[in-house]
Protein backbone atom coordinates (compact mmCIF):
# COMPACT_ATOMS: atom_id res chain seq x y z
CA UNK A 1 98.51 103.59 11.40
CA UNK A 2 95.24 105.00 12.73
CA UNK A 3 92.59 102.61 14.06
CA UNK A 4 89.02 103.79 13.56
CA UNK A 5 86.22 102.35 15.66
CA UNK A 6 82.97 102.12 13.71
CA UNK A 7 79.52 101.75 15.37
CA UNK A 8 78.07 98.27 15.01
CA UNK A 9 74.40 99.38 14.83
CA UNK A 10 72.28 102.07 13.22
CA UNK A 11 70.44 104.72 15.26
CA UNK A 12 67.08 102.93 15.20
CA UNK A 13 68.56 99.68 16.48
CA UNK A 14 70.64 101.47 19.13
CA UNK A 15 67.51 102.71 20.94
CA UNK A 16 66.02 99.20 21.12
CA UNK A 17 69.30 97.64 22.26
CA UNK A 18 69.85 100.38 24.86
CA UNK A 19 66.48 99.59 26.44
CA UNK A 20 67.40 95.90 26.58
CA UNK A 21 70.87 96.59 27.98
CA UNK A 22 70.16 99.13 30.73
CA UNK A 23 66.52 98.89 31.85
CA UNK A 24 67.05 96.29 34.58
CA UNK A 25 69.92 98.34 36.04
CA UNK A 26 67.83 101.54 36.18
CA UNK A 27 64.93 99.97 38.07
CA UNK A 28 64.74 101.21 41.65
CA UNK A 29 66.91 104.30 41.10
CA UNK A 30 65.30 107.63 42.02
CA UNK A 31 65.96 110.53 39.61
CA UNK A 32 65.35 113.01 42.45
CA UNK A 33 68.13 111.53 44.57
CA UNK A 34 71.48 113.03 43.48
CA UNK A 35 73.55 109.85 43.85
CA UNK A 36 70.90 107.76 42.06
CA UNK A 37 70.68 110.38 39.31
CA UNK A 38 74.47 110.23 38.85
CA UNK A 39 74.35 106.43 38.69
CA UNK A 40 71.57 106.65 36.06
CA UNK A 41 73.78 108.88 33.91
CA UNK A 42 76.70 106.48 34.28
CA UNK A 43 74.54 103.47 33.35
CA UNK A 44 73.15 105.26 30.28
CA UNK A 45 76.60 106.36 29.11
CA UNK A 46 78.11 102.92 29.58
CA UNK A 47 75.07 101.32 27.94
CA UNK A 48 75.48 103.53 24.86
CA UNK A 49 79.17 102.63 24.64
CA UNK A 50 78.45 98.92 24.92
CA UNK A 51 75.54 98.88 22.47
CA UNK A 52 77.34 101.05 19.92
CA UNK A 53 80.89 99.73 20.02
CA UNK A 54 81.07 96.60 22.19
CA UNK A 55 77.83 94.68 21.52
CA UNK A 56 79.29 91.38 22.75
CA UNK A 57 79.62 92.86 26.26
CA UNK A 58 76.87 93.42 28.80
CA UNK A 59 76.68 94.97 32.25
CA UNK A 60 77.16 92.16 34.74
CA UNK A 61 77.29 94.25 37.95
CA UNK A 62 76.50 97.84 38.95
CA UNK A 63 78.47 98.81 42.05
CA UNK A 64 81.00 101.27 43.48
CA UNK A 65 84.77 101.04 43.06
CA UNK A 66 84.72 99.90 40.30
CA UNK A 67 81.42 101.29 39.08
CA UNK A 68 80.70 98.39 36.75
CA UNK A 69 81.74 94.90 35.80
CA UNK A 70 81.09 94.10 32.15
CA UNK A 71 81.45 90.73 30.50
CA UNK A 72 81.27 89.03 27.13
CA UNK A 73 80.86 85.62 28.74
CA UNK A 74 84.59 84.88 28.53
CA UNK A 75 86.23 88.02 29.90
CA UNK A 76 85.21 90.22 32.83
CA UNK A 77 86.30 93.86 32.79
CA UNK A 78 86.08 96.38 35.64
CA UNK A 79 84.96 99.89 34.61
CA UNK A 80 85.40 103.02 36.71
CA UNK A 81 83.29 105.84 35.25
CA UNK A 82 84.99 109.24 35.24
CA UNK A 83 83.44 112.53 34.19
CA UNK A 84 85.89 114.35 31.92
CA UNK A 85 83.69 117.32 31.03
CA UNK A 86 81.39 119.28 33.27
CA UNK A 87 78.86 121.82 32.07
């Protein structure tokens, strides 16, 4: 049996929720610094995943090894971001 994951929000709502979810974690990062730029990409990608498919979870910590701790208030999950495609 195949399990299909369906987005919880429409496109218009996703943009608003993304801003709410990631803005505080992007503050202070410099787009011209390579490591900060990479962290910005990771935050944006994780934010889109959370907002779209796991809206009960939020980013609790941004760090290294693991890259993120997310939580729904009951469970804490460690996330290690891995690039699987490179242009």
